Amino acid sequence: ELENQLTTKSKTLDELKESLALNGSAEQTPEPLSLRIAELGEMVNSTVNQVAQLKTSMQSILEQWRAYDEAYAEVSLMTTRYLYCIDQCKPSVVSLEALKNQVKTLQ
């Protein structure tokens, strides 16, 4: 969206330059206005470069987050499996009284 806005602003600035160039032959364009337009053009170009750098950086960060999400999902699954195994493998602690009652019940 930002790239589209910058493209639109750049086109508007180019149209303004062309308009001043056409009108400049008939009338003298004030120098401060010409300097300001050139300055705006440099600012737009600088902003376009910054957006391109930001886009590259964001793509790199997005790839890192994807790798993190995949690793997190794998670790989460492994943790769940280990917790299940530990739960199934640990001996149940039963009191002597409970064992006596169970023996009586079975008899």
PDB file of N, CA and C in Angstrom:
ATOM      1  N   GLU A   1       0.833  -1.181   0.000  1.00  0.00           N
ATOM      2  CA  GLU A   1       0.000   0.000   0.000  1.00  0.00           C
ATOM      3  C   GLU A   1       0.884   1.254   0.000  1.00  0.00           C
ATOM      4  N   LEU A   2       1.929   1.215   0.814  1.00  0.00           N
ATOM      5  CA  LEU A   2       2.843   2.352   0.885  1.00  0.00           C
ATOM      6  C   LEU A   2       3.554   2.559  -0.450  1.00  0.00           C
ATOM      7  N   GLU A   3       3.927   1.465  -1.090  1.00  0.00           N
ATOM      8  CA  GLU A   3       4.568   1.580  -2.408  1.00  0.00           C
ATOM      9  C   GLU A   3       3.613   2.217  -3.417  1.00  0.00           C
ATOM     10  N   ASN A   4       2.361   1.840  -3.372  1.00  0.00           N
ATOM     11  CA  ASN A   4       1.363   2.432  -4.275  1.00  0.00           C
ATOM     12  C   ASN A   4       1.197   3.928  -4.014  1.00  0.00           C
ATOM     13  N   GLN A   5       1.149   4.297  -2.752  1.00  0.00           N
ATOM     14  CA  GLN A   5       1.020   5.715  -2.412  1.00  0.00           C
ATOM     15  C   GLN A   5       2.238   6.499  -2.896  1.00  0.00           C
ATOM     16  N   LEU A   6       3.430   5.911  -2.717  1.00  0.00           N
ATOM     17  CA  LEU A   6       4.637   6.591  -3.171  1.00  0.00           C
ATOM     18  C   LEU A   6       4.658   6.733  -4.693  1.00  0.00           C
ATOM     19  N   THR A   7       4.196   5.705  -5.391  1.00  0.00           N
ATOM     20  CA  THR A   7       4.126   5.779  -6.851  1.00  0.00           C
ATOM     21  C   THR A   7       3.180   6.893  -7.282  1.00  0.00           C
ATOM     22  N   THR A   8       2.043   6.983  -6.619  1.00  0.00           N
ATOM     23  CA  THR A   8       1.068   8.031  -6.933  1.00  0.00           C
ATOM     24  C   THR A   8       1.657   9.414  -6.674  1.00  0.00           C
ATOM     25  N   LYS A   9       2.316   9.569  -5.533  1.00  0.00           N
ATOM     26  CA  LYS A   9       2.919  10.870  -5.203  1.00  0.00           C
ATOM     27  C   LYS A   9       4.033  11.216  -6.192  1.00  0.00           C
ATOM     28  N   SER A  10       4.803  10.211  -6.593  1.00  0.00           N
ATOM     29  CA  SER A  10       5.877  10.440  -7.559  1.00  0.00           C
ATOM     30  C   SER A  10       5.311  10.887  -8.905  1.00  0.00           C
ATOM     31  N   LYS A  11       4.214  10.270  -9.335  1.00  0.00           N
ATOM     32  CA  LYS A  11       3.567  10.665 -10.592  1.00  0.00           C
ATOM     33  C   LYS A  11       3.036  12.094 -10.497  1.00  0.00           C
ATOM     34  N   THR A  12       2.440  12.414  -9.357  1.00  0.00           N
ATOM     35  CA  THR A  12       1.925  13.773  -9.156  1.00  0.00           C
ATOM     36  C   THR A  12       3.063  14.783  -9.213  1.00  0.00           C
ATOM     37  N   LEU A  13       4.172  14.450  -8.603  1.00  0.00           N
ATOM     38  CA  LEU A  13       5.331  15.336  -8.618  1.00  0.00           C
ATOM     39  C   LEU A  13       5.881  15.498 -10.037  1.00  0.00           C
ATOM     40  N   ASP A  14       5.921  14.398 -10.790  1.00  0.00           N
ATOM     41  CA  ASP A  14       6.370  14.471 -12.192  1.00  0.00           C
ATOM     42  C   ASP A  14       5.430  15.355 -13.024  1.00  0.00           C
ATOM     43  N   GLU A  15       4.127  15.214 -12.795  1.00  0.00           N
ATOM     44  CA  GLU A  15       3.160  16.046 -13.508  1.00  0.00           C
ATOM     45  C   GLU A  15       3.361  17.521 -13.166  1.00  0.00           C
ATOM     46  N   LEU A  16       3.658  17.798 -11.903  1.00  0.00           N
ATOM     47  CA  LEU A  16       3.905  19.173 -11.487  1.00  0.00           C
ATOM     48  C   LEU A  16       5.158  19.720 -12.168  1.00  0.00           C
ATOM     49  N   LYS A  17       6.198  18.907 -12.249  1.00  0.00           N
ATOM     50  CA  LYS A  17       7.431  19.325 -12.938  1.00  0.00           C
ATOM     51  C   LYS A  17       7.147  19.637 -14.404  1.00  0.00           C
ATOM     52  N   GLU A  18       6.385  18.757 -15.056  1.00  0.00           N
ATOM     53  CA  GLU A  18       6.044  18.968 -16.468  1.00  0.00           C
ATOM     54  C   GLU A  18       5.211  20.233 -16.637  1.00  0.00           C
ATOM     55  N   SER A  19       4.272  20.420 -15.740  1.00  0.00           N
ATOM     56  CA  SER A  19       3.420  21.602 -15.807  1.00  0.00           C
ATOM     57  C   SER A  19       4.253  22.870 -15.654  1.00  0.00           C
ATOM     58  N   LEU A  20       5.178  22.849 -14.717  1.00  0.00           N
ATOM     59  CA  LEU A  20       6.037  24.020 -14.519  1.00  0.00           C
ATOM     60  C   LEU A  20       6.976  24.221 -15.703  1.00  0.00           C
ATOM     61  N   ALA A  21       7.425  23.134 -16.313  1.00  0.00           N
ATOM     62  CA  ALA A  21       8.305  23.244 -17.477  1.00  0.00           C
ATOM     63  C   ALA A  21       7.546  23.865 -18.642  1.00  0.00           C
ATOM     64  N   LEU A  22       6.297  23.457 -18.830  1.00  0.00           N
ATOM     65  CA  LEU A  22       5.491  24.021 -19.923  1.00  0.00           C
ATOM     66  C   LEU A  22       5.160  25.478 -19.655  1.00  0.00           C
ATOM     67  N   ASN A  23       4.796  25.774 -18.421  1.00  0.00           N
ATOM     68  CA  ASN A  23       4.447  27.150 -18.068  1.00  0.00           C
ATOM     69  C   ASN A  23       5.695  28.009 -17.883  1.00  0.00           C
ATOM     70  N   GLY A  24       6.810  27.368 -17.636  1.00  0.00           N
ATOM     71  CA  GLY A  24       8.044  28.098 -17.397  1.00  0.00           C
ATOM     72  C   GLY A  24       8.526  28.858 -18.611  1.00  0.00           C
ATOM     73  N   SER A  25       8.204  28.385 -19.797  1.00  0.00           N
ATOM     74  CA  SER A  25       8.612  29.109 -21.006  1.00  0.00           C
ATOM     75  C   SER A  25       7.831  30.411 -21.143  1.00  0.00           C
ATOM     76  N   ALA A  26       6.572  30.384 -20.708  1.00  0.00           N
ATOM     77  CA  ALA A  26       5.745  31.591 -20.814  1.00  0.00           C
ATOM     78  C   ALA A  26       6.017  32.527 -19.637  1.00  0.00           C
ATOM     79  N   GLU A  27       6.120  31.962 -18.467  1.00  0.00           N
ATOM     80  CA  GLU A  27       6.367  32.751 -17.269  1.00  0.00           C
ATOM     81  C   GLU A  27       7.605  32.199 -16.575  1.00  0.00           C
ATOM     82  N   GLN A  28       8.278  33.011 -15.837  1.00  0.00           N
ATOM     83  CA  GLN A  28       9.461  32.569 -15.100  1.00  0.00           C
ATOM     84  C   GLN A  28       8.990  31.863 -13.826  1.00  0.00           C
ATOM     85  N   THR A  29       9.435  30.615 -13.625  1.00  0.00           N
ATOM     86  CA  THR A  29       9.077  29.869 -12.427  1.00  0.00           C
ATOM     87  C   THR A  29       9.917  30.387 -11.270  1.00  0.00           C
ATOM     88  N   PRO A  30       9.299  30.680 -10.139  1.00  0.00           N
ATOM     89  CA  PRO A  30      10.078  31.150  -8.989  1.00  0.00           C
ATOM     90  C   PRO A  30      11.103  30.092  -8.569  1.00  0.00           C
ATOM     91  N   GLU A  31      12.308  30.548  -8.319  1.00  0.00           N
ATOM     92  CA  GLU A  31      13.399  29.621  -7.985  1.00  0.00           C
ATOM     93  C   GLU A  31      13.125  28.815  -6.719  1.00  0.00           C
ATOM     94  N   PRO A  32      12.585  29.410  -5.656  1.00  0.00           N
ATOM     95  CA  PRO A  32      12.296  28.610  -4.457  1.00  0.00           C
ATOM     96  C   PRO A  32      11.349  27.446  -4.752  1.00  0.00           C
ATOM     97  N   LEU A  33      10.397  27.666  -5.655  1.00  0.00           N
ATOM     98  CA  LEU A  33       9.458  26.604  -6.014  1.00  0.00           C
ATOM     99  C   LEU A  33      10.187  25.476  -6.746  1.00  0.00           C
ATOM    100  N   SER A  34      11.061  25.835  -7.667  1.00  0.00           N
ATOM    101  CA  SER A  34      11.829  24.823  -8.406  1.00  0.00           C
ATOM    102  C   SER A  34      12.714  24.024  -7.466  1.00  0.00           C
ATOM    103  N   LEU A  35      13.356  24.724  -6.523  1.00  0.00           N
ATOM    104  CA  LEU A  35      14.211  24.033  -5.550  1.00  0.00           C
ATOM    105  C   LEU A  35      13.391  23.115  -4.654  1.00  0.00           C
ATOM    106  N   ARG A  36      12.229  23.573  -4.273  1.00  0.00           N
ATOM    107  CA  ARG A  36      11.359  22.762  -3.398  1.00  0.00           C
ATOM    108  C   ARG A  36      10.884  21.506  -4.124  1.00  0.00           C
ATOM    109  N   ILE A  37      10.552  21.639  -5.397  1.00  0.00           N
ATOM    110  CA  ILE A  37      10.110  20.481  -6.171  1.00  0.00           C
ATOM    111  C   ILE A  37      11.248  19.470  -6.300  1.00  0.00           C
ATOM    112  N   ALA A  38      12.474  19.966  -6.555  1.00  0.00           N
ATOM    113  CA  ALA A  38      13.629  19.063  -6.645  1.00  0.00           C
ATOM    114  C   ALA A  38      13.868  18.373  -5.309  1.00  0.00           C
ATOM    115  N   GLU A  39      13.720  19.130  -4.228  1.00  0.00           N
ATOM    116  CA  GLU A  39      13.890  18.572  -2.888  1.00  0.00           C
ATOM    117  C   GLU A  39      12.844  17.495  -2.616  1.00  0.00           C
ATOM    118  N   LEU A  40      11.613  17.754  -3.006  1.00  0.00           N
ATOM    119  CA  LEU A  40      10.547  16.762  -2.833  1.00  0.00           C
ATOM    120  C   LEU A  40      10.837  15.499  -3.637  1.00  0.00           C
ATOM    121  N   GLY A  41      11.363  15.676  -4.845  1.00  0.00           N
ATOM    122  CA  GLY A  41      11.726  14.515  -5.665  1.00  0.00           C
ATOM    123  C   GLY A  41      12.790  13.664  -4.990  1.00  0.00           C
ATOM    124  N   GLU A  42      13.791  14.321  -4.398  1.00  0.00           N
ATOM    125  CA  GLU A  42      14.833  13.588  -3.675  1.00  0.00           C
ATOM    126  C   GLU A  42      14.259  12.870  -2.462  1.00  0.00           C
ATOM    127  N   MET A  43      13.327  13.541  -1.776  1.00  0.00           N
ATOM    128  CA  MET A  43      12.703  12.920  -0.606  1.00  0.00           C
ATOM    129  C   MET A  43      11.895  11.691  -1.010  1.00  0.00           C
ATOM    130  N   VAL A  44      11.174  11.788  -2.129  1.00  0.00           N
ATOM    131  CA  VAL A  44      10.391  10.646  -2.609  1.00  0.00           C
ATOM    132  C   VAL A  44      11.328   9.492  -2.952  1.00  0.00           C
ATOM    133  N   ASN A  45      12.412   9.780  -3.656  1.00  0.00           N
ATOM    134  CA  ASN A  45      13.367   8.730  -4.016  1.00  0.00           C
ATOM    135  C   ASN A  45      13.982   8.093  -2.777  1.00  0.00           C
ATOM    136  N   SER A  46      14.327   8.918  -1.804  1.00  0.00           N
ATOM    137  CA  SER A  46      14.883   8.407  -0.556  1.00  0.00           C
ATOM    138  C   SER A  46      13.870   7.506   0.161  1.00  0.00           C
ATOM    139  N   THR A  47      12.627   7.940   0.191  1.00  0.00           N
ATOM    140  CA  THR A  47      11.577   7.150   0.839  1.00  0.00           C
ATOM    141  C   THR A  47      11.346   5.836   0.105  1.00  0.00           C
ATOM    142  N   VAL A  48      11.390   5.869  -1.220  1.00  0.00           N
ATOM    143  CA  VAL A  48      11.229   4.639  -2.010  1.00  0.00           C
ATOM    144  C   VAL A  48      12.342   3.662  -1.666  1.00  0.00           C
ATOM    145  N   ASN A  49      13.574   4.160  -1.552  1.00  0.00           N
ATOM    146  CA  ASN A  49      14.700   3.287  -1.193  1.00  0.00           C
ATOM    147  C   ASN A  49      14.533   2.717   0.207  1.00  0.00           C
ATOM    148  N   GLN A  50      14.074   3.538   1.137  1.00  0.00           N
ATOM    149  CA  GLN A  50      13.859   3.062   2.504  1.00  0.00           C
ATOM    150  C   GLN A  50      12.770   2.003   2.551  1.00  0.00           C
ATOM    151  N   VAL A  51      11.721   2.195   1.791  1.00  0.00           N
ATOM    152  CA  VAL A  51      10.630   1.209   1.743  1.00  0.00           C
ATOM    153  C   VAL A  51      11.144  -0.104   1.156  1.00  0.00           C
ATOM    154  N   ALA A  52      11.988  -0.032   0.126  1.00  0.00           N
ATOM    155  CA  ALA A  52      12.547  -1.250  -0.471  1.00  0.00           C
ATOM    156  C   ALA A  52      13.406  -1.993   0.551  1.00  0.00           C
ATOM    157  N   GLN A  53      14.209  -1.246   1.315  1.00  0.00           N
ATOM    158  CA  GLN A  53      15.031  -1.876   2.353  1.00  0.00           C
ATOM    159  C   GLN A  53      14.155  -2.481   3.443  1.00  0.00           C
ATOM    160  N   LEU A  54      13.125  -1.763   3.821  1.00  0.00           N
ATOM    161  CA  LEU A  54      12.202  -2.258   4.842  1.00  0.00           C
ATOM    162  C   LEU A  54      11.493  -3.521   4.363  1.00  0.00           C
ATOM    163  N   LYS A  55      11.099  -3.537   3.114  1.00  0.00           N
ATOM    164  CA  LYS A  55      10.417  -4.708   2.550  1.00  0.00           C
ATOM    165  C   LYS A  55      11.331  -5.926   2.583  1.00  0.00           C
ATOM    166  N   THR A  56      12.590  -5.739   2.191  1.00  0.00           N
ATOM    167  CA  THR A  56      13.558  -6.835   2.227  1.00  0.00           C
ATOM    168  C   THR A  56      13.753  -7.330   3.654  1.00  0.00           C
ATOM    169  N   SER A  57      13.883  -6.397   4.575  1.00  0.00           N
ATOM    170  CA  SER A  57      14.063  -6.746   5.977  1.00  0.00           C
ATOM    171  C   SER A  57      12.842  -7.492   6.518  1.00  0.00           C
ATOM    172  N   MET A  58      11.664  -7.019   6.175  1.00  0.00           N
ATOM    173  CA  MET A  58      10.439  -7.661   6.652  1.00  0.00           C
ATOM    174  C   MET A  58      10.283  -9.071   6.084  1.00  0.00           C
ATOM    175  N   GLN A  59      10.696  -9.273   4.838  1.00  0.00           N
ATOM    176  CA  GLN A  59      10.630 -10.603   4.248  1.00  0.00           C
ATOM    177  C   GLN A  59      11.565 -11.553   4.994  1.00  0.00           C
ATOM    178  N   SER A  60      12.736 -11.070   5.346  1.00  0.00           N
ATOM    179  CA  SER A  60      13.682 -11.878   6.104  1.00  0.00           C
ATOM    180  C   SER A  60      13.103 -12.227   7.477  1.00  0.00           C
ATOM    181  N   ILE A  61      12.508 -11.246   8.126  1.00  0.00           N
ATOM    182  CA  ILE A  61      11.905 -11.480   9.442  1.00  0.00           C
ATOM    183  C   ILE A  61      10.744 -12.463   9.330  1.00  0.00           C
ATOM    184  N   LEU A  62       9.960 -12.348   8.280  1.00  0.00           N
ATOM    185  CA  LEU A  62       8.837 -13.258   8.073  1.00  0.00           C
ATOM    186  C   LEU A  62       9.328 -14.695   7.896  1.00  0.00           C
ATOM    187  N   GLU A  63      10.408 -14.877   7.142  1.00  0.00           N
ATOM    188  CA  GLU A  63      10.981 -16.215   6.964  1.00  0.00           C
ATOM    189  C   GLU A  63      11.475 -16.766   8.298  1.00  0.00           C
ATOM    190  N   GLN A  64      12.084 -15.911   9.120  1.00  0.00           N
ATOM    191  CA  GLN A  64      12.555 -16.350  10.429  1.00  0.00           C
ATOM    192  C   GLN A  64      11.394 -16.749  11.329  1.00  0.00           C
ATOM    193  N   TRP A  65      10.296 -16.006  11.269  1.00  0.00           N
ATOM    194  CA  TRP A  65       9.118 -16.350  12.069  1.00  0.00           C
ATOM    195  C   TRP A  65       8.513 -17.673  11.609  1.00  0.00           C
ATOM    196  N   ARG A  66       8.512 -17.902  10.294  1.00  0.00           N
ATOM    197  CA  ARG A  66       7.998 -19.184   9.791  1.00  0.00           C
ATOM    198  C   ARG A  66       8.835 -20.339  10.323  1.00  0.00           C
ATOM    199  N   ALA A  67      10.161 -20.167  10.294  1.00  0.00           N
ATOM    200  CA  ALA A  67      11.044 -21.202  10.815  1.00  0.00           C
ATOM    201  C   ALA A  67      10.798 -21.401  12.310  1.00  0.00           C
ATOM    202  N   TYR A  68      10.605 -20.305  13.038  1.00  0.00           N
ATOM    203  CA  TYR A  68      10.311 -20.390  14.468  1.00  0.00           C
ATOM    204  C   TYR A  68       9.005 -21.138  14.705  1.00  0.00           C
ATOM    205  N   ASP A  69       7.971 -20.795  13.948  1.00  0.00           N
ATOM    206  CA  ASP A  69       6.675 -21.462  14.110  1.00  0.00           C
ATOM    207  C   ASP A  69       6.778 -22.960  13.849  1.00  0.00           C
ATOM    208  N   GLU A  70       7.526 -23.346  12.817  1.00  0.00           N
ATOM    209  CA  GLU A  70       7.699 -24.767  12.519  1.00  0.00           C
ATOM    210  C   GLU A  70       8.434 -25.469  13.648  1.00  0.00           C
ATOM    211  N   ALA A  71       9.514 -24.852  14.133  1.00  0.00           N
ATOM    212  CA  ALA A  71      10.279 -25.446  15.232  1.00  0.00           C
ATOM    213  C   ALA A  71       9.436 -25.523  16.498  1.00  0.00           C
ATOM    214  N   TYR A  72       8.658 -24.473  16.769  1.00  0.00           N
ATOM    215  CA  TYR A  72       7.810 -24.458  17.952  1.00  0.00           C
ATOM    216  C   TYR A  72       6.764 -25.569  17.880  1.00  0.00           C
ATOM    217  N   ALA A  73       6.162 -25.748  16.722  1.00  0.00           N
ATOM    218  CA  ALA A  73       5.148 -26.799  16.569  1.00  0.00           C
ATOM    219  C   ALA A  73       5.773 -28.175  16.794  1.00  0.00           C
ATOM    220  N   GLU A  74       6.976 -28.374  16.260  1.00  0.00           N
ATOM    221  CA  GLU A  74       7.655 -29.658  16.428  1.00  0.00           C
ATOM    222  C   GLU A  74       8.011 -29.900  17.898  1.00  0.00           C
ATOM    223  N   VAL A  75       8.549 -28.887  18.558  1.00  0.00           N
ATOM    224  CA  VAL A  75       8.906 -29.022  19.973  1.00  0.00           C
ATOM    225  C   VAL A  75       7.660 -29.248  20.819  1.00  0.00           C
ATOM    226  N   SER A  76       6.587 -28.547  20.498  1.00  0.00           N
ATOM    227  CA  SER A  76       5.344 -28.710  21.245  1.00  0.00           C
ATOM    228  C   SER A  76       4.810 -30.136  21.109  1.00  0.00           C
ATOM    229  N   LEU A  77       4.866 -30.673  19.896  1.00  0.00           N
ATOM    230  CA  LEU A  77       4.414 -32.049  19.670  1.00  0.00           C
ATOM    231  C   LEU A  77       5.293 -33.041  20.431  1.00  0.00           C
ATOM    232  N   MET A  78       6.597 -32.838  20.373  1.00  0.00           N
ATOM    233  CA  MET A  78       7.509 -33.737  21.088  1.00  0.00           C
ATOM    234  C   MET A  78       7.279 -33.660  22.593  1.00  0.00           C
ATOM    235  N   THR A  79       7.055 -32.471  23.110  1.00  0.00           N
ATOM    236  CA  THR A  79       6.799 -32.303  24.543  1.00  0.00           C
ATOM    237  C   THR A  79       5.526 -33.030  24.952  1.00  0.00           C
ATOM    238  N   THR A  80       4.510 -32.911  24.139  1.00  0.00           N
ATOM    239  CA  THR A  80       3.252 -33.606  24.422  1.00  0.00           C
ATOM    240  C   THR A  80       3.470 -35.115  24.430  1.00  0.00           C
ATOM    241  N   ARG A  81       4.217 -35.616  23.463  1.00  0.00           N
ATOM    242  CA  ARG A  81       4.505 -37.061  23.418  1.00  0.00           C
ATOM    243  C   ARG A  81       5.276 -37.515  24.651  1.00  0.00           C
ATOM    244  N   TYR A  82       6.295 -36.725  25.038  1.00  0.00           N
ATOM    245  CA  TYR A  82       7.086 -37.101  26.209  1.00  0.00           C
ATOM    246  C   TYR A  82       6.257 -37.068  27.480  1.00  0.00           C
ATOM    247  N   LEU A  83       5.405 -36.066  27.613  1.00  0.00           N
ATOM    248  CA  LEU A  83       4.551 -36.001  28.796  1.00  0.00           C
ATOM    249  C   LEU A  83       3.597 -37.194  28.847  1.00  0.00           C
ATOM    250  N   TYR A  84       3.083 -37.596  27.697  1.00  0.00           N
ATOM    251  CA  TYR A  84       2.210 -38.767  27.638  1.00  0.00           C
ATOM    252  C   TYR A  84       2.972 -40.022  28.049  1.00  0.00           C
ATOM    253  N   CYS A  85       4.177 -40.171  27.505  1.00  0.00           N
ATOM    254  CA  CYS A  85       4.991 -41.348  27.840  1.00  0.00           C
ATOM    255  C   CYS A  85       5.325 -41.387  29.327  1.00  0.00           C
ATOM    256  N   ILE A  86       5.703 -40.236  29.865  1.00  0.00           N
ATOM    257  CA  ILE A  86       6.031 -40.182  31.291  1.00  0.00           C
ATOM    258  C   ILE A  86       4.808 -40.538  32.128  1.00  0.00           C
ATOM    259  N   ASP A  87       3.662 -40.047  31.720  1.00  0.00           N
ATOM    260  CA  ASP A  87       2.425 -40.325  32.453  1.00  0.00           C
ATOM    261  C   ASP A  87       2.084 -41.810  32.400  1.00  0.00           C
ATOM    262  N   GLN A  88       2.306 -42.436  31.250  1.00  0.00           N
ATOM    263  CA  GLN A  88       1.976 -43.848  31.093  1.00  0.00           C
ATOM    264  C   GLN A  88       3.009 -44.768  31.742  1.00  0.00           C
ATOM    265  N   CYS A  89       4.244 -44.327  31.807  1.00  0.00           N
ATOM    266  CA  CYS A  89       5.330 -45.186  32.297  1.00  0.00           C
ATOM    267  C   CYS A  89       5.553 -45.108  33.798  1.00  0.00           C
ATOM    268  N   LYS A  90       5.135 -44.051  34.428  1.00  0.00           N
ATOM    269  CA  LYS A  90       5.430 -43.934  35.858  1.00  0.00           C
ATOM    270  C   LYS A  90       4.536 -44.898  36.647  1.00  0.00           C
ATOM    271  N   PRO A  91       5.145 -45.526  37.633  1.00  0.00           N
ATOM    272  CA  PRO A  91       4.341 -46.444  38.442  1.00  0.00           C
ATOM    273  C   PRO A  91       3.379 -45.641  39.317  1.00  0.00           C
ATOM    274  N   SER A  92       2.203 -46.173  39.427  1.00  0.00           N
ATOM    275  CA  SER A  92       1.230 -45.473  40.256  1.00  0.00           C
ATOM    276  C   SER A  92       1.556 -45.754  41.723  1.00  0.00           C
ATOM    277  N   VAL A  93       1.521 -44.736  42.503  1.00  0.00           N
ATOM    278  CA  VAL A  93       1.829 -44.858  43.922  1.00  0.00           C
ATOM    279  C   VAL A  93       0.520 -45.166  44.648  1.00  0.00           C
ATOM    280  N   VAL A  94       0.494 -46.343  45.251  1.00  0.00           N
ATOM    281  CA  VAL A  94      -0.715 -46.770  45.940  1.00  0.00           C
ATOM    282  C   VAL A  94      -0.317 -47.114  47.376  1.00  0.00           C
ATOM    283  N   SER A  95      -1.146 -46.780  48.295  1.00  0.00           N
ATOM    284  CA  SER A  95      -0.856 -47.056  49.707  1.00  0.00           C
ATOM    285  C   SER A  95      -1.089 -48.534  50.017  1.00  0.00           C
ATOM    286  N   LEU A  96      -0.492 -48.962  51.061  1.00  0.00           N
ATOM    287  CA  LEU A  96      -0.634 -50.364  51.487  1.00  0.00           C
ATOM    288  C   LEU A  96      -2.086 -50.685  51.786  1.00  0.00           C
ATOM    289  N   GLU A  97      -2.784 -49.745  52.379  1.00  0.00           N
ATOM    290  CA  GLU A  97      -4.192 -49.954  52.720  1.00  0.00           C
ATOM    291  C   GLU A  97      -5.034 -50.141  51.454  1.00  0.00           C
ATOM    292  N   ALA A  98      -4.740 -49.339  50.420  1.00  0.00           N
ATOM    293  CA  ALA A  98      -5.483 -49.446  49.174  1.00  0.00           C
ATOM    294  C   ALA A  98      -5.212 -50.790  48.508  1.00  0.00           C
ATOM    295  N   LEU A  99      -3.964 -51.274  48.584  1.00  0.00           N
ATOM    296  CA  LEU A  99      -3.652 -52.586  48.015  1.00  0.00           C
ATOM    297  C   LEU A  99      -4.380 -53.706  48.760  1.00  0.00           C
ATOM    298  N   LYS A 100      -4.472 -53.606  50.059  1.00  0.00           N
ATOM    299  CA  LYS A 100      -5.182 -54.610  50.865  1.00  0.00           C
ATOM    300  C   LYS A 100      -6.659 -54.629  50.477  1.00  0.00           C
ATOM    301  N   ASN A 101      -7.235 -53.463  50.287  1.00  0.00           N
ATOM    302  CA  ASN A 101      -8.649 -53.385  49.895  1.00  0.00           C
ATOM    303  C   ASN A 101      -8.852 -53.983  48.511  1.00  0.00           C
ATOM    304  N   GLN A 102      -7.906 -53.725  47.615  1.00  0.00           N
ATOM    305  CA  GLN A 102      -8.019 -54.258  46.250  1.00  0.00           C
ATOM    306  C   GLN A 102      -7.902 -55.793  46.276  1.00  0.00           C
ATOM    307  N   VAL A 103      -7.008 -56.321  47.104  1.00  0.00           N
ATOM    308  CA  VAL A 103      -6.861 -57.774  47.226  1.00  0.00           C
ATOM    309  C   VAL A 103      -8.148 -58.390  47.763  1.00  0.00           C
ATOM    310  N   LYS A 104      -8.737 -57.753  48.755  1.00  0.00           N
ATOM    311  CA  LYS A 104      -9.988 -58.259  49.308  1.00  0.00           C
ATOM    312  C   LYS A 104     -11.088 -58.257  48.258  1.00  0.00           C
ATOM    313  N   THR A 105     -11.122 -57.192  47.470  1.00  0.00           N
ATOM    314  CA  THR A 105     -12.136 -57.083  46.431  1.00  0.00           C
ATOM    315  C   THR A 105     -11.947 -58.183  45.402  1.00  0.00           C
ATOM    316  N   LEU A 106     -10.717 -58.428  45.014  1.00  0.00           N
ATOM    317  CA  LEU A 106     -10.448 -59.444  44.013  1.00  0.00           C
ATOM    318  C   LEU A 106     -10.755 -60.854  44.547  1.00  0.00           C
ATOM    319  N   GLN A 107     -10.540 -61.079  45.828  1.00  0.00           N
ATOM    320  CA  GLN A 107     -10.804 -62.394  46.402  1.00  0.00           C
ATOM    321  C   GLN A 107     -12.299 -62.626  46.453  1.00  0.00           C
TER     322      GLN A 107
END
